[in-house]
Amino acid sequence: MPNTIYEYLNEDGEIIRIQVQETSDRVRGGRGNTDATLQRVETSFEKALGTVKTATKGLKKVINEVSPDEAKVEFSIKAAGEAGLFTICKATTGAEFKITLTWKKEKG
């Protein structure tokens, strides 16, 4: 099964390409098929990250309610599915983006 390259345009009109290795290639153990198919995503890169924005807003709300002196959240995202939208996933090796968010209570 070939890898998929998702092609996004960002809000500045620049092209962002993200290669995703298909799961079945990883299971086989070898390097897998090095052929790749190009899939242009109809939504902007920023809109594709909407899941991250929504999740981050929810996390910030909870953190503000709990009001710790400092909070750190780590998670990974990857492009997946026919629409090329990003999903929050378990951190593994591969083409995921690892994101660390840190909130610190303001002094004063």
C-alpha atoms as a PDB file:
ATOM      1  CA  MET A   1       0.000   0.000   0.000  1.00  0.00           C
ATOM      2  CA  PRO A   2       1.538   3.350  -0.958  1.00  0.00           C
ATOM      3  CA  ASN A   3       2.177   6.232   1.364  1.00  0.00           C
ATOM      4  CA  THR A   4      -0.024   9.299   1.042  1.00  0.00           C
ATOM      5  CA  ILE A   5       1.256  12.848   0.743  1.00  0.00           C
ATOM      6  CA  TYR A   6      -1.337  15.391   1.856  1.00  0.00           C
ATOM      7  CA  GLU A   7      -0.903  18.753   0.174  1.00  0.00           C
ATOM      8  CA  TYR A   8      -2.357  21.790   1.953  1.00  0.00           C
ATOM      9  CA  LEU A   9      -2.353  25.486   1.210  1.00  0.00           C
ATOM     10  CA  ASN A  10      -1.873  27.689   4.241  1.00  0.00           C
ATOM     11  CA  GLU A  11      -3.540  31.075   4.645  1.00  0.00           C
ATOM     12  CA  ASP A  12      -0.515  32.726   2.967  1.00  0.00           C
ATOM     13  CA  GLY A  13      -0.957  30.530  -0.130  1.00  0.00           C
ATOM     14  CA  GLU A  14       2.160  28.455   0.565  1.00  0.00           C
ATOM     15  CA  ILE A  15       2.106  24.696  -0.017  1.00  0.00           C
ATOM     16  CA  ILE A  16       2.640  22.336   2.915  1.00  0.00           C
ATOM     17  CA  ARG A  17       3.151  18.633   2.134  1.00  0.00           C
ATOM     18  CA  ILE A  18       2.912  15.973   4.822  1.00  0.00           C
ATOM     19  CA  GLN A  19       3.779  12.356   4.041  1.00  0.00           C
ATOM     20  CA  VAL A  20       1.860   9.735   5.981  1.00  0.00           C
ATOM     21  CA  GLN A  21       3.078   6.152   6.088  1.00  0.00           C
ATOM     22  CA  GLU A  22       0.155   3.748   5.860  1.00  0.00           C
ATOM     23  CA  THR A  23      -0.297   1.487   8.877  1.00  0.00           C
ATOM     24  CA  SER A  24      -0.166  -1.754   6.890  1.00  0.00           C
ATOM     25  CA  ASP A  25       3.366  -0.882   5.661  1.00  0.00           C
ATOM     26  CA  ARG A  26       4.566  -0.506   9.255  1.00  0.00           C
ATOM     27  CA  VAL A  27       3.044  -3.829  10.250  1.00  0.00           C
ATOM     28  CA  ARG A  28       4.927  -5.682   7.490  1.00  0.00           C
ATOM     29  CA  GLY A  29       8.146  -4.675   9.128  1.00  0.00           C
ATOM     30  CA  GLY A  30      10.258  -3.630   6.139  1.00  0.00           C
ATOM     31  CA  ARG A  31      10.520  -0.242   4.595  1.00  0.00           C
ATOM     32  CA  GLY A  32       7.243  -0.881   2.831  1.00  0.00           C
ATOM     33  CA  ASN A  33       6.253   0.513  -0.501  1.00  0.00           C
ATOM     34  CA  THR A  34       8.112   3.750  -1.187  1.00  0.00           C
ATOM     35  CA  ASP A  35       5.587   4.882  -3.815  1.00  0.00           C
ATOM     36  CA  ALA A  36       3.422   7.765  -2.692  1.00  0.00           C
ATOM     37  CA  THR A  37       0.115   9.141  -3.858  1.00  0.00           C
ATOM     38  CA  LEU A  38      -0.527  12.871  -3.726  1.00  0.00           C
ATOM     39  CA  GLN A  39      -3.815  14.007  -2.241  1.00  0.00           C
ATOM     40  CA  ARG A  40      -4.663  17.702  -2.392  1.00  0.00           C
ATOM     41  CA  VAL A  41      -6.726  18.693   0.612  1.00  0.00           C
ATOM     42  CA  GLU A  42      -9.601  21.066  -0.112  1.00  0.00           C
ATOM     43  CA  THR A  43      -9.452  22.790   3.271  1.00  0.00           C
ATOM     44  CA  SER A  44      -6.666  25.110   4.403  1.00  0.00           C
ATOM     45  CA  PHE A  45      -3.896  23.857   6.641  1.00  0.00           C
ATOM     46  CA  GLU A  46      -5.183  26.073   9.457  1.00  0.00           C
ATOM     47  CA  LYS A  47      -8.751  24.717   9.113  1.00  0.00           C
ATOM     48  CA  ALA A  48      -7.419  21.149   9.063  1.00  0.00           C
ATOM     49  CA  LEU A  49      -5.923  21.901  12.486  1.00  0.00           C
ATOM     50  CA  GLY A  50      -9.375  22.862  13.821  1.00  0.00           C
ATOM     51  CA  THR A  51      -9.417  19.790  16.082  1.00  0.00           C
ATOM     52  CA  VAL A  52      -6.271  21.024  17.812  1.00  0.00           C
ATOM     53  CA  LYS A  53      -7.714  24.516  18.262  1.00  0.00           C
ATOM     54  CA  THR A  54     -10.947  23.172  19.734  1.00  0.00           C
ATOM     55  CA  ALA A  55      -9.135  20.751  22.044  1.00  0.00           C
ATOM     56  CA  THR A  56      -6.718  23.464  23.188  1.00  0.00           C
ATOM     57  CA  LYS A  57      -9.563  25.861  24.018  1.00  0.00           C
ATOM     58  CA  GLY A  58     -11.180  23.115  26.105  1.00  0.00           C
ATOM     59  CA  LEU A  59      -7.911  22.328  27.876  1.00  0.00           C
ATOM     60  CA  LYS A  60      -7.320  26.005  28.634  1.00  0.00           C
ATOM     61  CA  LYS A  61     -10.816  26.345  30.096  1.00  0.00           C
ATOM     62  CA  VAL A  62     -10.283  23.392  32.434  1.00  0.00           C
ATOM     63  CA  ILE A  63      -6.803  24.578  33.418  1.00  0.00           C
ATOM     64  CA  ASN A  64      -8.169  28.044  34.213  1.00  0.00           C
ATOM     65  CA  GLU A  65     -10.914  26.502  36.376  1.00  0.00           C
ATOM     66  CA  VAL A  66      -8.422  24.333  38.283  1.00  0.00           C
ATOM     67  CA  SER A  67      -5.960  27.241  38.465  1.00  0.00           C
ATOM     68  CA  PRO A  68      -2.625  25.462  38.965  1.00  0.00           C
ATOM     69  CA  ASP A  69       0.581  27.479  39.152  1.00  0.00           C
ATOM     70  CA  GLU A  70       1.721  25.735  35.978  1.00  0.00           C
ATOM     71  CA  ALA A  71       0.242  23.142  33.631  1.00  0.00           C
ATOM     72  CA  LYS A  72       1.853  21.302  30.717  1.00  0.00           C
ATOM     73  CA  VAL A  73       0.009  19.162  28.183  1.00  0.00           C
ATOM     74  CA  GLU A  74       1.712  17.046  25.505  1.00  0.00           C
ATOM     75  CA  PHE A  75      -0.001  15.291  22.626  1.00  0.00           C
ATOM     76  CA  SER A  76       0.597  14.320  19.018  1.00  0.00           C
ATOM     77  CA  ILE A  77      -1.417  14.969  15.892  1.00  0.00           C
ATOM     78  CA  LYS A  78      -1.300  13.360  12.483  1.00  0.00           C
ATOM     79  CA  ALA A  79      -2.956  13.867   9.125  1.00  0.00           C
ATOM     80  CA  ALA A  80      -5.349  11.005   8.553  1.00  0.00           C
ATOM     81  CA  GLY A  81      -8.397  10.014   6.568  1.00  0.00           C
ATOM     82  CA  GLU A  82      -9.721  10.963   3.181  1.00  0.00           C
ATOM     83  CA  ALA A  83     -10.180  14.631   4.112  1.00  0.00           C
ATOM     84  CA  GLY A  84      -6.612  15.002   5.417  1.00  0.00           C
ATOM     85  CA  LEU A  85      -7.884  16.454   8.671  1.00  0.00           C
ATOM     86  CA  PHE A  86      -5.642  16.245  11.703  1.00  0.00           C
ATOM     87  CA  THR A  87      -6.490  13.892  14.540  1.00  0.00           C
ATOM     88  CA  ILE A  88      -5.115  13.778  18.042  1.00  0.00           C
ATOM     89  CA  CYS A  89      -3.293  10.494  18.508  1.00  0.00           C
ATOM     90  CA  LYS A  90      -1.108   8.518  20.844  1.00  0.00           C
ATOM     91  CA  ALA A  91       2.492   9.663  20.564  1.00  0.00           C
ATOM     92  CA  THR A  92       4.509   7.173  18.513  1.00  0.00           C
ATOM     93  CA  THR A  93       7.356   7.350  16.086  1.00  0.00           C
ATOM     94  CA  GLY A  94       6.473   8.471  12.612  1.00  0.00           C
ATOM     95  CA  ALA A  95       5.132  11.563  10.920  1.00  0.00           C
ATOM     96  CA  GLU A  96       3.157  12.929  13.825  1.00  0.00           C
ATOM     97  CA  PHE A  97       3.638  16.441  15.158  1.00  0.00           C
ATOM     98  CA  LYS A  98       4.388  16.494  18.886  1.00  0.00           C
ATOM     99  CA  ILE A  99       2.844  19.536  20.573  1.00  0.00           C
ATOM    100  CA  THR A 100       3.616  20.795  24.066  1.00  0.00           C
ATOM    101  CA  LEU A 101       1.422  23.494  25.564  1.00  0.00           C
ATOM    102  CA  THR A 102       2.434  25.180  28.816  1.00  0.00           C
ATOM    103  CA  TRP A 103       0.343  27.579  30.887  1.00  0.00           C
ATOM    104  CA  LYS A 104       1.911  29.532  33.743  1.00  0.00           C
ATOM    105  CA  LYS A 105      -0.045  31.479  36.296  1.00  0.00           C
ATOM    106  CA  GLU A 106       0.700  35.185  36.092  1.00  0.00           C
ATOM    107  CA  LYS A 107       2.276  36.613  39.219  1.00  0.00           C
ATOM    108  CA  GLY A 108       0.761  39.664  40.795  1.00  0.00           C
END
